[in-house]
Amino acid sequence: MRYENLIWDFDGTLFDTYPPMCRDLQTVMEEQGFHFETEELLARFQTSRGEVLAYCGERTGQTAREVDTAYRAWVAEHGQPKAEPFPAVKTFLKRFQAAGGRNFIFTHRSGSVHDYLAEAGLTHLFTEVTSCGTSFARKPDPAGNLYLIQKHGLDPARTLAVGDRELDILAGKRAGTDACLFTPHLVADTAADYQIQDFTQLDALVGLPAD
C-alpha cells in the first residue's frame, strides 16, 4: 500500500458530529434569549470550534469562554449529542486494518471520543486514540501528530493525515506527512495533497488491495 498509517481527525471526519453540536448550541443560545440559524453555526464549526464560540459571543455580548462554559454545562446535564460515523467509514477502517494498515486518531475532543467509538463498535480498529487535552498544543500545531509518529515509529512518507478542516491538514503537513481533506466541495485554497468527498475514494488513494 502507498500509505501504511492513517492519522484521523474525529469530529466532522470520522463522525458526523457538527449538526448535533449545532443543535445543542442553538438550544443553549435560545435558553439565553438568542436565536441562531443552523447554517450560520455549522459554517463556523467547519472552520473551528473556537470560531463558532467567538461568533456566538460577539452576537450575544459574551466572551467565547462564557459561551463555551454554558455549552459544556448543558452537555454535562443532557449528555453528548448523538452522532454516527460517516457512510463507509467502518468498512474502510476494517479493510485497511485487515490489509496491515494502522489507524490512529488525534483530536481536539476529550474523552468522549472513546464513548462514540465504543458505541459504534470501532474501538478495536484504532492503534491509539489521543487528544490535545493538556498534553499537546491544538492543531494546526503538529505536536499530537509528531507524538504518534515518534511513539509508534511511523514513517512519515507512508503516513497520511485525514481531516475535514485546514488546521488538520496543516498539522499533518507540519509533521512531515501527506494530508487529505474530507470536504463536500472541492477547495481551491488548501495545503492538502488530496481531497475526497466520500470514504470510498480512499481505497485507491492509499492503494488498498481489492477484496
C-alpha atoms as a PDB file:
ATOM      1  CA  MET A   1       0.000   0.000   0.000  1.00  0.00           C
ATOM      2  CA  ARG A   2       1.116   3.552  -0.605  1.00  0.00           C
ATOM      3  CA  TYR A   3       0.173   4.538   2.969  1.00  0.00           C
ATOM      4  CA  GLU A   4       0.515   2.169   5.909  1.00  0.00           C
ATOM      5  CA  ASN A   5      -0.685   4.560   8.615  1.00  0.00           C
ATOM      6  CA  LEU A   6      -3.603   6.975   8.826  1.00  0.00           C
ATOM      7  CA  ILE A   7      -3.880   9.724  11.446  1.00  0.00           C
ATOM      8  CA  TRP A   8      -7.542  10.695  11.572  1.00  0.00           C
ATOM      9  CA  ASP A   9      -9.314  13.707  12.934  1.00  0.00           C
ATOM     10  CA  PHE A  10     -12.575  12.805  14.694  1.00  0.00           C
ATOM     11  CA  ASP A  11     -15.298  15.492  14.597  1.00  0.00           C
ATOM     12  CA  GLY A  12     -16.527  16.122  11.081  1.00  0.00           C
ATOM     13  CA  THR A  13     -14.171  13.486   9.694  1.00  0.00           C
ATOM     14  CA  LEU A  14     -14.952  10.078  11.152  1.00  0.00           C
ATOM     15  CA  PHE A  15     -18.211  11.073  12.852  1.00  0.00           C
ATOM     16  CA  ASP A  16     -20.885  13.499  11.656  1.00  0.00           C
ATOM     17  CA  THR A  17     -20.936  15.442  14.917  1.00  0.00           C
ATOM     18  CA  TYR A  18     -21.274  19.042  13.737  1.00  0.00           C
ATOM     19  CA  PRO A  19     -25.060  19.065  13.072  1.00  0.00           C
ATOM     20  CA  PRO A  20     -25.989  17.709  16.530  1.00  0.00           C
ATOM     21  CA  MET A  21     -23.440  20.001  18.185  1.00  0.00           C
ATOM     22  CA  CYS A  22     -25.029  22.925  16.345  1.00  0.00           C
ATOM     23  CA  ARG A  23     -28.480  21.914  17.558  1.00  0.00           C
ATOM     24  CA  ASP A  24     -27.286  21.756  21.149  1.00  0.00           C
ATOM     25  CA  LEU A  25     -25.543  25.127  20.884  1.00  0.00           C
ATOM     26  CA  GLN A  26     -28.695  26.591  19.347  1.00  0.00           C
ATOM     27  CA  THR A  27     -30.663  25.313  22.327  1.00  0.00           C
ATOM     28  CA  VAL A  28     -28.209  26.875  24.781  1.00  0.00           C
ATOM     29  CA  MET A  29     -28.435  30.199  22.990  1.00  0.00           C
ATOM     30  CA  GLU A  30     -32.249  30.009  22.768  1.00  0.00           C
ATOM     31  CA  GLU A  31     -32.421  29.496  26.523  1.00  0.00           C
ATOM     32  CA  GLN A  32     -30.488  32.756  26.857  1.00  0.00           C
ATOM     33  CA  GLY A  33     -32.902  34.510  24.510  1.00  0.00           C
ATOM     34  CA  PHE A  34     -30.770  34.484  21.354  1.00  0.00           C
ATOM     35  CA  HIS A  35     -31.650  32.844  18.036  1.00  0.00           C
ATOM     36  CA  PHE A  36     -29.108  31.422  15.584  1.00  0.00           C
ATOM     37  CA  GLU A  37     -29.741  29.672  12.291  1.00  0.00           C
ATOM     38  CA  THR A  38     -28.233  26.217  11.898  1.00  0.00           C
ATOM     39  CA  GLU A  39     -26.360  27.228   8.746  1.00  0.00           C
ATOM     40  CA  GLU A  40     -24.521  30.141  10.341  1.00  0.00           C
ATOM     41  CA  LEU A  41     -23.274  27.953  13.189  1.00  0.00           C
ATOM     42  CA  LEU A  42     -22.423  24.964  11.009  1.00  0.00           C
ATOM     43  CA  ALA A  43     -20.302  27.025   8.625  1.00  0.00           C
ATOM     44  CA  ARG A  44     -18.200  28.238  11.545  1.00  0.00           C
ATOM     45  CA  PHE A  45     -17.941  24.826  13.216  1.00  0.00           C
ATOM     46  CA  GLN A  46     -16.401  23.604   9.969  1.00  0.00           C
ATOM     47  CA  THR A  47     -13.603  26.137  10.403  1.00  0.00           C
ATOM     48  CA  SER A  48     -13.012  25.651  14.120  1.00  0.00           C
ATOM     49  CA  ARG A  49     -14.882  25.307  17.374  1.00  0.00           C
ATOM     50  CA  GLY A  50     -13.196  28.456  18.597  1.00  0.00           C
ATOM     51  CA  GLU A  51     -14.632  30.429  15.695  1.00  0.00           C
ATOM     52  CA  VAL A  52     -18.236  29.428  16.385  1.00  0.00           C
ATOM     53  CA  LEU A  53     -17.865  30.198  20.097  1.00  0.00           C
ATOM     54  CA  ALA A  54     -16.360  33.595  19.311  1.00  0.00           C
ATOM     55  CA  TYR A  55     -19.162  34.305  16.842  1.00  0.00           C
ATOM     56  CA  CYS A  56     -21.845  33.473  19.405  1.00  0.00           C
ATOM     57  CA  GLY A  57     -20.035  35.606  21.951  1.00  0.00           C
ATOM     58  CA  GLU A  58     -19.896  38.604  19.621  1.00  0.00           C
ATOM     59  CA  ARG A  59     -23.595  38.274  18.846  1.00  0.00           C
ATOM     60  CA  THR A  60     -24.630  37.940  22.486  1.00  0.00           C
ATOM     61  CA  GLY A  61     -22.201  40.249  24.297  1.00  0.00           C
ATOM     62  CA  GLN A  62     -20.274  37.419  25.919  1.00  0.00           C
ATOM     63  CA  THR A  63     -16.774  36.056  25.698  1.00  0.00           C
ATOM     64  CA  ALA A  64     -16.137  32.836  23.815  1.00  0.00           C
ATOM     65  CA  ARG A  65     -15.231  31.228  27.139  1.00  0.00           C
ATOM     66  CA  GLU A  66     -18.591  32.188  28.638  1.00  0.00           C
ATOM     67  CA  VAL A  67     -20.414  30.645  25.689  1.00  0.00           C
ATOM     68  CA  ASP A  68     -18.260  27.532  25.978  1.00  0.00           C
ATOM     69  CA  THR A  69     -18.938  27.253  29.706  1.00  0.00           C
ATOM     70  CA  ALA A  70     -22.694  27.437  29.137  1.00  0.00           C
ATOM     71  CA  TYR A  71     -22.479  24.846  26.345  1.00  0.00           C
ATOM     72  CA  ARG A  72     -20.386  22.447  28.407  1.00  0.00           C
ATOM     73  CA  ALA A  73     -22.758  22.786  31.346  1.00  0.00           C
ATOM     74  CA  TRP A  74     -25.689  21.911  29.094  1.00  0.00           C
ATOM     75  CA  VAL A  75     -23.865  18.866  27.712  1.00  0.00           C
ATOM     76  CA  ALA A  76     -22.897  17.753  31.215  1.00  0.00           C
ATOM     77  CA  GLU A  77     -26.588  17.787  32.151  1.00  0.00           C
ATOM     78  CA  HIS A  78     -28.056  16.327  28.954  1.00  0.00           C
ATOM     79  CA  GLY A  79     -25.222  14.162  27.614  1.00  0.00           C
ATOM     80  CA  GLN A  80     -23.130  14.271  24.471  1.00  0.00           C
ATOM     81  CA  PRO A  81     -25.147  14.698  21.265  1.00  0.00           C
ATOM     82  CA  LYS A  82     -25.927  11.517  19.348  1.00  0.00           C
ATOM     83  CA  ALA A  83     -23.801  11.100  16.242  1.00  0.00           C
ATOM     84  CA  GLU A  84     -22.933   8.347  13.787  1.00  0.00           C
ATOM     85  CA  PRO A  85     -19.872   7.606  11.655  1.00  0.00           C
ATOM     86  CA  PHE A  86     -19.992   8.897   8.107  1.00  0.00           C
ATOM     87  CA  PRO A  87     -21.058   6.348   5.451  1.00  0.00           C
ATOM     88  CA  ALA A  88     -18.392   3.775   4.524  1.00  0.00           C
ATOM     89  CA  VAL A  89     -16.123   4.736   7.452  1.00  0.00           C
ATOM     90  CA  LYS A  90     -16.398   1.426   9.313  1.00  0.00           C
ATOM     91  CA  THR A  91     -15.982  -0.619   6.140  1.00  0.00           C
ATOM     92  CA  PHE A  92     -12.857   1.266   5.145  1.00  0.00           C
ATOM     93  CA  LEU A  93     -11.297   1.122   8.621  1.00  0.00           C
ATOM     94  CA  LYS A  94     -11.791  -2.651   8.780  1.00  0.00           C
ATOM     95  CA  ARG A  95     -10.406  -3.271   5.302  1.00  0.00           C
ATOM     96  CA  PHE A  96      -7.408  -1.002   5.890  1.00  0.00           C
ATOM     97  CA  GLN A  97      -6.578  -2.722   9.162  1.00  0.00           C
ATOM     98  CA  ALA A  98      -7.041  -6.182   7.621  1.00  0.00           C
ATOM     99  CA  ALA A  99      -4.551  -5.211   4.893  1.00  0.00           C
ATOM    100  CA  GLY A 100      -1.949  -4.388   7.546  1.00  0.00           C
ATOM    101  CA  GLY A 101      -2.641  -0.662   7.924  1.00  0.00           C
ATOM    102  CA  ARG A 102      -2.805   1.124  11.252  1.00  0.00           C
ATOM    103  CA  ASN A 103      -5.394   3.726  12.214  1.00  0.00           C
ATOM    104  CA  PHE A 104      -4.761   6.478  14.741  1.00  0.00           C
ATOM    105  CA  ILE A 105      -6.824   9.426  15.964  1.00  0.00           C
ATOM    106  CA  PHE A 106      -5.605  12.811  17.085  1.00  0.00           C
ATOM    107  CA  THR A 107      -8.495  15.057  18.051  1.00  0.00           C
ATOM    108  CA  HIS A 108      -9.324  18.183  19.999  1.00  0.00           C
ATOM    109  CA  ARG A 109     -12.206  16.267  21.603  1.00  0.00           C
ATOM    110  CA  SER A 110     -11.731  14.968  25.139  1.00  0.00           C
ATOM    111  CA  GLY A 111     -12.531  11.503  26.498  1.00  0.00           C
ATOM    112  CA  SER A 112     -15.986  11.377  24.920  1.00  0.00           C
ATOM    113  CA  VAL A 113     -14.348  10.218  21.682  1.00  0.00           C
ATOM    114  CA  HIS A 114     -13.927   6.795  23.309  1.00  0.00           C
ATOM    115  CA  ASP A 115     -17.651   6.640  24.077  1.00  0.00           C
ATOM    116  CA  TYR A 116     -18.559   7.372  20.472  1.00  0.00           C
ATOM    117  CA  LEU A 117     -16.120   4.765  19.167  1.00  0.00           C
ATOM    118  CA  ALA A 118     -17.308   2.113  21.610  1.00  0.00           C
ATOM    119  CA  GLU A 119     -20.977   2.702  20.831  1.00  0.00           C
ATOM    120  CA  ALA A 120     -20.273   2.346  17.107  1.00  0.00           C
ATOM    121  CA  GLY A 121     -18.105  -0.748  17.621  1.00  0.00           C
ATOM    122  CA  LEU A 122     -14.985   0.921  16.245  1.00  0.00           C
ATOM    123  CA  THR A 123     -12.591   0.942  19.209  1.00  0.00           C
ATOM    124  CA  HIS A 124     -10.635  -2.137  18.116  1.00  0.00           C
ATOM    125  CA  LEU A 125      -9.890  -0.580  14.726  1.00  0.00           C
ATOM    126  CA  PHE A 126      -7.520   2.051  16.183  1.00  0.00           C
ATOM    127  CA  THR A 127      -3.987   1.515  17.438  1.00  0.00           C
ATOM    128  CA  GLU A 128      -4.145   4.664  19.592  1.00  0.00           C
ATOM    129  CA  VAL A 129      -6.581   7.494  20.199  1.00  0.00           C
ATOM    130  CA  THR A 130      -5.229  10.680  21.700  1.00  0.00           C
ATOM    131  CA  SER A 131      -6.455  14.230  22.198  1.00  0.00           C
ATOM    132  CA  CYS A 132      -4.797  17.565  22.829  1.00  0.00           C
ATOM    133  CA  GLY A 133      -6.039  17.945  26.431  1.00  0.00           C
ATOM    134  CA  THR A 134      -3.196  19.454  28.402  1.00  0.00           C
ATOM    135  CA  SER A 135      -0.511  17.363  26.689  1.00  0.00           C
ATOM    136  CA  PHE A 136      -0.414  18.831  23.199  1.00  0.00           C
ATOM    137  CA  ALA A 137      -1.000  22.180  21.577  1.00  0.00           C
ATOM    138  CA  ARG A 138      -4.112  22.420  19.436  1.00  0.00           C
ATOM    139  CA  LYS A 139      -3.932  21.987  15.690  1.00  0.00           C
ATOM    140  CA  PRO A 140      -2.514  23.302  13.386  1.00  0.00           C
ATOM    141  CA  ASP A 141       0.400  22.696  15.754  1.00  0.00           C
ATOM    142  CA  PRO A 142       1.798  19.265  14.765  1.00  0.00           C
ATOM    143  CA  ALA A 143       2.641  18.138  18.322  1.00  0.00           C
ATOM    144  CA  GLY A 144      -0.032  15.437  18.508  1.00  0.00           C
ATOM    145  CA  ASN A 145       0.841  14.040  15.094  1.00  0.00           C
ATOM    146  CA  LEU A 146       4.540  14.044  15.950  1.00  0.00           C
ATOM    147  CA  TYR A 147       3.808  12.212  19.207  1.00  0.00           C
ATOM    148  CA  LEU A 148       2.088   9.392  17.314  1.00  0.00           C
ATOM    149  CA  ILE A 149       4.826   9.267  14.688  1.00  0.00           C
ATOM    150  CA  GLN A 150       7.592   9.064  17.282  1.00  0.00           C
ATOM    151  CA  LYS A 151       5.860   6.688  19.697  1.00  0.00           C
ATOM    152  CA  HIS A 152       4.856   4.159  17.062  1.00  0.00           C
ATOM    153  CA  GLY A 153       7.827   4.569  14.755  1.00  0.00           C
ATOM    154  CA  LEU A 154       5.696   5.688  11.823  1.00  0.00           C
ATOM    155  CA  ASP A 155       7.376   6.502   8.532  1.00  0.00           C
ATOM    156  CA  PRO A 156       6.052   9.988   7.652  1.00  0.00           C
ATOM    157  CA  ALA A 157       6.368   9.150   3.947  1.00  0.00           C
ATOM    158  CA  ARG A 158       3.945   6.236   4.465  1.00  0.00           C
ATOM    159  CA  THR A 159       1.583   8.148   6.754  1.00  0.00           C
ATOM    160  CA  LEU A 160      -1.466  10.168   5.743  1.00  0.00           C
ATOM    161  CA  ALA A 161      -3.333  12.680   7.919  1.00  0.00           C
ATOM    162  CA  VAL A 162      -7.077  12.833   7.182  1.00  0.00           C
ATOM    163  CA  GLY A 163      -9.274  15.702   8.370  1.00  0.00           C
ATOM    164  CA  ASP A 164     -12.126  17.980   7.401  1.00  0.00           C
ATOM    165  CA  ARG A 165     -10.540  21.321   8.285  1.00  0.00           C
ATOM    166  CA  GLU A 166      -7.474  23.160   7.116  1.00  0.00           C
ATOM    167  CA  LEU A 167      -5.998  23.044  10.612  1.00  0.00           C
ATOM    168  CA  ASP A 168      -5.996  19.218  10.362  1.00  0.00           C
ATOM    169  CA  ILE A 169      -4.200  19.467   7.039  1.00  0.00           C
ATOM    170  CA  LEU A 170      -1.577  21.878   8.338  1.00  0.00           C
ATOM    171  CA  ALA A 171      -0.927  19.743  11.427  1.00  0.00           C
ATOM    172  CA  GLY A 172      -0.222  16.773   9.186  1.00  0.00           C
ATOM    173  CA  LYS A 173       1.962  18.663   6.739  1.00  0.00           C
ATOM    174  CA  ARG A 174       3.979  20.248   9.548  1.00  0.00           C
ATOM    175  CA  ALA A 175       4.607  16.765  10.948  1.00  0.00           C
ATOM    176  CA  GLY A 176       6.045  15.716   7.587  1.00  0.00           C
ATOM    177  CA  THR A 177       3.155  13.570   6.343  1.00  0.00           C
ATOM    178  CA  ASP A 178       0.870  13.917   3.370  1.00  0.00           C
ATOM    179  CA  ALA A 179      -2.640  15.145   4.113  1.00  0.00           C
ATOM    180  CA  CYS A 180      -6.122  14.509   2.765  1.00  0.00           C
ATOM    181  CA  LEU A 181      -9.039  16.917   3.141  1.00  0.00           C
ATOM    182  CA  PHE A 182     -12.500  15.398   3.575  1.00  0.00           C
ATOM    183  CA  THR A 183     -14.854  18.016   2.166  1.00  0.00           C
ATOM    184  CA  PRO A 184     -18.237  18.023   0.402  1.00  0.00           C
ATOM    185  CA  HIS A 185     -16.939  20.559  -2.140  1.00  0.00           C
ATOM    186  CA  LEU A 186     -13.517  20.960  -3.714  1.00  0.00           C
ATOM    187  CA  VAL A 187     -11.462  23.680  -2.041  1.00  0.00           C
ATOM    188  CA  ALA A 188      -9.110  25.850  -4.059  1.00  0.00           C
ATOM    189  CA  ASP A 189      -7.067  27.297  -1.203  1.00  0.00           C
ATOM    190  CA  THR A 190      -5.726  24.326   0.764  1.00  0.00           C
ATOM    191  CA  ALA A 191      -2.380  22.762   1.616  1.00  0.00           C
ATOM    192  CA  ALA A 192      -3.903  19.285   1.229  1.00  0.00           C
ATOM    193  CA  ASP A 193      -2.281  16.793  -1.124  1.00  0.00           C
ATOM    194  CA  TYR A 194      -5.673  15.219  -1.800  1.00  0.00           C
ATOM    195  CA  GLN A 195      -9.357  15.987  -1.411  1.00  0.00           C
ATOM    196  CA  ILE A 196     -12.138  13.417  -1.088  1.00  0.00           C
ATOM    197  CA  GLN A 197     -15.909  13.732  -0.894  1.00  0.00           C
ATOM    198  CA  ASP A 198     -16.620  10.266   0.486  1.00  0.00           C
ATOM    199  CA  PHE A 199     -14.590   7.482   2.019  1.00  0.00           C
ATOM    200  CA  THR A 200     -14.914   5.068  -0.871  1.00  0.00           C
ATOM    201  CA  GLN A 201     -12.338   7.277  -2.608  1.00  0.00           C
ATOM    202  CA  LEU A 202      -9.704   6.357  -0.032  1.00  0.00           C
ATOM    203  CA  ASP A 203      -9.286   2.819  -1.370  1.00  0.00           C
ATOM    204  CA  ALA A 204      -7.425   3.921  -4.483  1.00  0.00           C
ATOM    205  CA  LEU A 205      -5.683   6.783  -2.703  1.00  0.00           C
ATOM    206  CA  VAL A 206      -3.967   4.579  -0.101  1.00  0.00           C
ATOM    207  CA  GLY A 207      -3.520   1.681  -2.517  1.00  0.00           C
ATOM    208  CA  LEU A 208      -5.828  -0.679  -0.646  1.00  0.00           C
ATOM    209  CA  PRO A 209      -5.842  -4.131  -2.293  1.00  0.00           C
ATOM    210  CA  ALA A 210      -9.117  -5.199  -3.870  1.00  0.00           C
ATOM    211  CA  ASP A 211     -11.150  -7.787  -1.969  1.00  0.00           C
END
